[in-house]
N, C-alpha and C. Protein backbone atom coordinates (compact mmCIF):
# COMPACT_ATOMS: atom_id res chain seq x y z
N MET A 1 -43.42 0.45 -5.28
CA MET A 1 -41.93 -0.22 -5.42
C MET A 1 -40.93 1.01 -4.93
N GLY A 2 -41.44 2.24 -5.17
CA GLY A 2 -40.63 3.43 -4.88
C GLY A 2 -40.63 3.32 -3.26
N GLY A 3 -41.50 3.12 -2.91
CA GLY A 3 -41.62 3.26 -1.19
C GLY A 3 -40.51 2.23 -0.60
N LYS A 4 -40.75 0.86 -1.07
CA LYS A 4 -40.01 -0.23 -0.62
C LYS A 4 -38.48 -0.06 -1.06
N LEU A 5 -38.10 0.48 -2.25
CA LEU A 5 -36.81 0.65 -2.58
C LEU A 5 -36.16 1.72 -1.37
N CYS A 6 -36.95 2.76 -1.02
CA CYS A 6 -36.38 3.90 -0.23
C CYS A 6 -36.40 3.13 1.25
N ALA A 7 -37.43 2.27 1.59
CA ALA A 7 -37.37 1.86 2.99
C ALA A 7 -35.98 0.79 2.90
N ASN A 8 -35.86 -0.01 2.21
CA ASN A 8 -34.79 -0.69 2.11
C ASN A 8 -33.09 0.35 2.20
N LEU A 9 -33.36 1.34 1.61
CA LEU A 9 -32.23 2.10 1.44
C LEU A 9 -32.34 3.11 2.58
N GLN A 10 -33.16 3.16 3.60
CA GLN A 10 -33.16 3.85 4.86
C GLN A 10 -33.46 5.39 4.53
N CYS A 11 -34.04 5.70 3.50
CA CYS A 11 -34.55 7.12 3.20
C CYS A 11 -35.28 7.71 4.03
N ASP A 12 -35.27 9.04 4.17
CA ASP A 12 -35.92 9.89 5.25
C ASP A 12 -37.24 10.17 4.74
N GLN A 13 -38.02 10.61 5.41
CA GLN A 13 -39.34 10.62 5.07
C GLN A 13 -39.52 11.89 3.73
N LYS A 14 -38.81 12.59 3.75
CA LYS A 14 -38.99 13.60 2.66
C LYS A 14 -38.55 13.16 1.22
N SER A 15 -37.56 12.50 1.45
CA SER A 15 -37.28 11.42 0.08
C SER A 15 -38.08 10.51 -0.33
N ILE A 16 -39.05 9.95 0.53
CA ILE A 16 -40.01 9.14 0.09
C ILE A 16 -41.07 9.88 -0.29
N PHE A 17 -41.37 11.05 0.35
CA PHE A 17 -42.40 11.81 -0.21
C PHE A 17 -42.32 12.17 -1.63
N PHE A 18 -40.99 12.65 -1.84
CA PHE A 18 -40.70 13.02 -3.24
C PHE A 18 -40.75 12.07 -4.34
N VAL A 19 -40.40 10.76 -4.00
CA VAL A 19 -40.50 9.68 -4.78
C VAL A 19 -42.11 9.47 -5.09
N THR A 20 -42.88 9.72 -3.89
CA THR A 20 -44.41 9.72 -4.24
C THR A 20 -45.03 10.46 -5.29
N VAL A 21 -44.40 11.95 -4.99
CA VAL A 21 -44.77 13.12 -5.87
C VAL A 21 -44.31 12.69 -7.25
N ILE A 22 -42.87 12.28 -7.60
CA ILE A 22 -42.62 11.84 -8.82
C ILE A 22 -43.47 10.90 -9.43
N HIS A 23 -44.06 10.00 -8.85
CA HIS A 23 -45.00 8.91 -9.27
C HIS A 23 -46.29 9.12 -9.19
N ASP A 24 -46.68 10.45 -8.87
CA ASP A 24 -48.15 11.04 -8.86
C ASP A 24 -48.91 10.12 -8.07
N SER A 25 -48.35 9.71 -6.86
CA SER A 25 -49.07 8.68 -5.75
C SER A 25 -49.46 9.18 -4.65
N LEU A 26 -49.41 10.66 -4.44
CA LEU A 26 -49.97 11.14 -3.39
C LEU A 26 -51.56 10.80 -2.90
N PRO A 27 -51.87 10.60 -1.67
CA PRO A 27 -53.21 10.37 -1.63
C PRO A 27 -53.94 11.53 -1.65
N THR A 28 -54.03 12.15 -2.90
CA THR A 28 -54.93 13.35 -3.01
C THR A 28 -56.32 12.88 -3.55
N GLN A 29 -57.42 13.79 -3.32
CA GLN A 29 -58.62 13.19 -3.64
C GLN A 29 -58.87 12.52 -5.10
N PHE A 30 -58.30 13.20 -6.07
CA PHE A 30 -58.33 12.73 -7.23
C PHE A 30 -57.58 11.22 -7.17
N ASN A 31 -56.54 10.95 -6.80
CA ASN A 31 -55.98 9.39 -6.65
C ASN A 31 -56.88 8.57 -5.87
N LEU A 32 -57.26 8.94 -4.81
CA LEU A 32 -58.08 8.17 -4.16
C LEU A 32 -59.35 7.82 -4.84
N ALA A 33 -60.10 8.79 -5.33
CA ALA A 33 -61.33 8.50 -6.10
C ALA A 33 -60.83 7.60 -7.41
N ARG A 34 -59.78 7.72 -7.96
CA ARG A 34 -59.22 7.04 -9.10
C ARG A 34 -59.06 5.59 -8.62
N ARG A 35 -58.95 5.18 -7.62
CA ARG A 35 -58.56 4.01 -6.96
C ARG A 35 -60.00 3.45 -6.42
N GLY A 36 -60.91 4.32 -6.30
CA GLY A 36 -62.28 3.56 -5.75
C GLY A 36 -62.33 4.02 -4.34
N VAL A 37 -61.43 4.33 -3.54
CA VAL A 37 -61.36 4.55 -2.14
C VAL A 37 -62.46 5.68 -1.54
N ILE A 38 -62.64 6.72 -2.38
CA ILE A 38 -63.70 7.86 -2.07
C ILE A 38 -64.42 7.98 -3.61
N ARG A 39 -65.44 8.83 -3.43
CA ARG A 39 -66.30 9.09 -4.67
C ARG A 39 -66.09 10.42 -5.16
N ASP A 40 -65.62 11.42 -4.09
CA ASP A 40 -65.68 12.76 -4.62
C ASP A 40 -64.07 13.00 -4.60
N SER A 41 -63.84 13.54 -5.75
CA SER A 41 -62.24 14.24 -6.06
C SER A 41 -62.11 15.61 -5.93
N ARG A 42 -63.23 16.26 -5.34
CA ARG A 42 -63.05 17.86 -5.33
C ARG A 42 -61.95 18.12 -4.13
N CYS A 43 -61.26 19.16 -4.10
CA CYS A 43 -60.66 19.58 -3.10
C CYS A 43 -61.44 20.34 -1.99
N LYS A 44 -61.27 19.98 -0.72
CA LYS A 44 -62.04 20.63 0.33
C LYS A 44 -61.80 21.96 0.42
N GLN A 45 -60.76 22.74 0.02
CA GLN A 45 -60.42 23.91 0.16
C GLN A 45 -61.30 24.88 -0.81
N CYS A 46 -61.28 24.55 -2.04
CA CYS A 46 -61.71 25.29 -3.24
C CYS A 46 -62.76 24.44 -3.99
N GLY A 47 -63.08 23.28 -3.98
CA GLY A 47 -63.92 22.62 -4.81
C GLY A 47 -63.38 22.08 -6.25
N GLY A 48 -62.30 22.55 -6.43
CA GLY A 48 -61.47 22.15 -7.68
C GLY A 48 -60.98 20.51 -7.65
N VAL A 49 -60.81 19.82 -8.76
CA VAL A 49 -60.27 18.64 -8.58
C VAL A 49 -59.08 18.59 -8.05
N GLU A 50 -58.68 17.84 -6.91
CA GLU A 50 -57.55 17.59 -6.27
C GLU A 50 -56.62 16.70 -6.58
N SER A 51 -55.90 17.27 -7.75
CA SER A 51 -54.84 16.31 -8.30
C SER A 51 -53.46 16.78 -7.46
N THR A 52 -52.45 16.01 -7.92
CA THR A 52 -51.05 16.48 -7.12
C THR A 52 -50.76 17.73 -7.50
N LEU A 53 -50.77 18.36 -8.85
CA LEU A 53 -50.46 19.57 -9.06
C LEU A 53 -51.40 20.51 -8.22
N HIS A 54 -52.70 20.43 -8.30
CA HIS A 54 -53.60 21.09 -7.68
C HIS A 54 -53.17 21.40 -6.17
N ALA A 55 -53.13 20.40 -5.59
CA ALA A 55 -52.80 20.31 -4.13
C ALA A 55 -51.36 21.08 -3.79
N LEU A 56 -50.39 20.94 -4.60
CA LEU A 56 -49.25 21.56 -4.53
C LEU A 56 -49.00 23.05 -5.09
N PHE A 57 -49.76 23.42 -6.21
CA PHE A 57 -49.42 24.53 -6.81
C PHE A 57 -50.75 25.24 -7.15
N TRP A 58 -51.57 24.80 -7.55
CA TRP A 58 -53.10 25.46 -8.31
C TRP A 58 -53.95 25.90 -7.22
N CYS A 59 -54.37 25.12 -6.04
CA CYS A 59 -55.21 25.50 -5.21
C CYS A 59 -55.31 27.01 -4.65
N ILE A 60 -56.20 27.44 -4.44
CA ILE A 60 -56.24 29.01 -3.91
C ILE A 60 -55.45 28.92 -2.77
N ALA A 61 -55.47 28.11 -1.82
CA ALA A 61 -54.84 27.93 -0.58
C ALA A 61 -53.56 27.91 -0.83
N THR A 62 -53.11 27.04 -1.67
CA THR A 62 -51.57 26.77 -2.08
C THR A 62 -50.84 28.13 -2.72
N THR A 63 -51.66 28.61 -3.49
CA THR A 63 -50.95 30.01 -4.33
C THR A 63 -50.81 30.88 -3.22
N ALA A 64 -51.62 31.10 -2.17
CA ALA A 64 -51.58 31.92 -1.07
C ALA A 64 -50.15 31.68 -0.37
N VAL A 65 -49.67 30.43 -0.10
CA VAL A 65 -48.55 30.08 0.64
C VAL A 65 -47.37 30.60 -0.41
N TRP A 66 -47.52 30.48 -1.68
CA TRP A 66 -46.17 30.59 -2.68
C TRP A 66 -46.09 32.40 -2.60
N LYS A 67 -47.31 32.89 -2.56
CA LYS A 67 -47.26 34.50 -2.71
C LYS A 67 -46.60 34.85 -1.48
N GLN A 68 -47.17 34.14 0.02
CA GLN A 68 -46.55 34.77 1.10
C GLN A 68 -45.18 34.58 1.10
N VAL A 69 -44.40 33.49 0.65
CA VAL A 69 -43.15 33.23 0.78
C VAL A 69 -42.31 34.06 -0.50
N GLY A 70 -43.44 34.68 -1.14
CA GLY A 70 -42.60 35.69 -2.36
C GLY A 70 -41.91 34.89 -3.53
N TRP A 71 -42.54 33.73 -3.82
CA TRP A 71 -41.96 32.86 -4.77
C TRP A 71 -43.10 32.72 -6.10
N TRP A 72 -44.10 33.32 -5.86
CA TRP A 72 -45.34 33.24 -7.02
C TRP A 72 -44.71 33.47 -8.27
N SER A 73 -43.77 34.28 -8.42
CA SER A 73 -43.30 34.56 -10.01
C SER A 73 -42.59 33.18 -10.38
N LEU A 74 -41.89 32.65 -9.34
CA LEU A 74 -41.10 31.23 -9.75
C LEU A 74 -42.01 30.19 -9.92
N VAL A 75 -43.25 30.13 -9.20
CA VAL A 75 -44.14 28.97 -9.28
C VAL A 75 -45.11 29.21 -10.34
N LYS A 76 -45.38 30.51 -10.59
CA LYS A 76 -46.71 30.63 -11.58
C LYS A 76 -46.51 29.82 -13.05
N PRO A 77 -45.11 29.74 -13.40
CA PRO A 77 -45.10 28.95 -14.58
C PRO A 77 -45.61 27.40 -14.36
N PHE A 78 -45.74 26.94 -13.12
CA PHE A 78 -46.11 25.70 -13.07
C PHE A 78 -47.72 25.41 -13.47
N LEU A 79 -48.44 26.45 -13.38
CA LEU A 79 -49.78 26.56 -13.81
C LEU A 79 -49.52 26.13 -15.45
N LEU A 80 -49.01 26.27 -16.14
CA LEU A 80 -48.85 25.75 -17.44
C LEU A 80 -48.60 24.23 -17.85
N GLN A 81 -48.08 23.64 -16.74
CA GLN A 81 -47.70 22.28 -16.89
C GLN A 81 -48.93 21.53 -16.52
N VAL A 82 -48.89 20.13 -17.16
CA VAL A 82 -50.32 19.44 -17.07
C VAL A 82 -50.00 18.15 -16.19
N ASP A 83 -48.65 17.93 -15.82
CA ASP A 83 -48.54 16.86 -14.97
C ASP A 83 -47.09 16.90 -14.14
N MET A 84 -46.69 16.14 -13.28
CA MET A 84 -45.69 16.45 -12.29
C MET A 84 -44.58 16.28 -13.21
N LYS A 85 -44.28 15.33 -14.17
CA LYS A 85 -43.11 15.33 -14.86
C LYS A 85 -42.87 16.45 -15.71
N GLY A 86 -43.90 17.16 -16.09
CA GLY A 86 -43.69 18.49 -16.81
C GLY A 86 -43.05 19.52 -15.91
N VAL A 87 -43.72 19.65 -14.64
CA VAL A 87 -43.10 20.55 -13.68
C VAL A 87 -41.64 20.11 -13.49
N LEU A 88 -41.34 19.03 -13.15
CA LEU A 88 -39.85 18.55 -12.75
C LEU A 88 -39.08 18.86 -13.80
N ILE A 89 -39.41 18.59 -15.13
CA ILE A 89 -38.36 18.79 -16.26
C ILE A 89 -38.40 20.60 -16.50
N TRP A 90 -39.60 21.31 -16.06
CA TRP A 90 -39.40 22.81 -16.12
C TRP A 90 -38.43 23.12 -14.93
N LEU A 91 -38.55 22.57 -13.65
CA LEU A 91 -37.94 23.08 -12.62
C LEU A 91 -36.35 22.82 -12.77
N VAL A 92 -35.84 21.54 -13.44
CA VAL A 92 -34.65 21.30 -13.52
C VAL A 92 -33.99 22.31 -14.54
N LYS A 93 -34.69 22.65 -15.51
CA LYS A 93 -33.98 23.40 -16.80
C LYS A 93 -33.47 24.76 -16.06
N GLY A 94 -32.26 24.95 -16.10
CA GLY A 94 -31.61 26.33 -15.85
C GLY A 94 -32.15 26.91 -14.29
N ARG A 95 -32.35 25.87 -13.20
CA ARG A 95 -32.56 26.36 -12.05
C ARG A 95 -31.26 25.98 -11.13
N SER A 96 -30.87 26.77 -10.38
CA SER A 96 -29.80 26.49 -9.18
C SER A 96 -30.36 25.49 -8.31
N HIS A 97 -29.46 24.75 -7.61
CA HIS A 97 -29.91 23.59 -6.79
C HIS A 97 -30.54 24.36 -5.34
N LEU A 98 -30.02 25.60 -5.10
CA LEU A 98 -30.64 26.33 -3.96
C LEU A 98 -32.28 26.52 -4.36
N ALA A 99 -32.44 26.81 -5.43
CA ALA A 99 -33.81 27.16 -5.90
C ALA A 99 -34.55 25.90 -5.90
N LEU A 100 -34.07 24.72 -6.46
CA LEU A 100 -34.80 23.38 -6.36
C LEU A 100 -35.05 23.05 -4.76
N ASP A 101 -34.06 23.13 -4.05
CA ASP A 101 -34.15 23.02 -2.73
C ASP A 101 -35.19 23.56 -1.92
N MET A 102 -35.18 24.90 -2.26
CA MET A 102 -36.16 25.67 -1.51
C MET A 102 -37.66 25.35 -1.79
N VAL A 103 -37.77 25.29 -3.33
CA VAL A 103 -39.05 24.67 -3.82
C VAL A 103 -39.84 23.49 -3.28
N GLY A 104 -38.72 22.56 -2.90
CA GLY A 104 -38.87 21.36 -2.45
C GLY A 104 -39.31 21.33 -0.90
N TRP A 105 -38.50 22.33 -0.11
CA TRP A 105 -39.24 22.48 1.25
C TRP A 105 -40.48 22.95 1.30
N VAL A 106 -40.85 23.78 0.34
CA VAL A 106 -42.12 24.59 0.34
C VAL A 106 -43.19 23.58 0.02
N VAL A 107 -43.02 22.75 -0.92
CA VAL A 107 -43.89 21.79 -1.59
C VAL A 107 -43.98 20.92 -0.30
N TRP A 108 -43.13 20.37 0.33
CA TRP A 108 -42.98 19.56 1.55
C TRP A 108 -43.87 19.93 2.39
N VAL A 109 -43.77 21.07 3.11
CA VAL A 109 -44.57 21.85 4.17
C VAL A 109 -46.09 22.05 3.52
N VAL A 110 -46.16 22.50 2.47
CA VAL A 110 -47.65 22.66 1.87
C VAL A 110 -48.08 21.22 1.96
N TRP A 111 -47.75 20.31 1.73
CA TRP A 111 -48.50 18.79 1.72
C TRP A 111 -48.69 18.37 3.23
N ARG A 112 -47.88 18.76 4.21
CA ARG A 112 -48.14 18.31 5.50
C ARG A 112 -49.01 19.45 6.29
């Protein structure tokens, strides 16, 4: 439904991506396996279960990106969250709009 709504509102790809992230609908290995599209839910980079959080924050390849842009200290608390809703709630509390936008851009680039 989120994709349809955004298409009707002529949203850009980044907006559609974030709706997909919020609804935990990214085509991660875990989500594809859960829907019966594939059997193996493991990450091709590190062998961990590739959930949305794993793909965007937890994978060793992803943590390297966060460290390289110098935001590991900002992202590290995400490791305590168990789902995307927890991450979003944590992000919104006490963060500037600039910080949220910058995290959003890195997440967008990491996925692509």
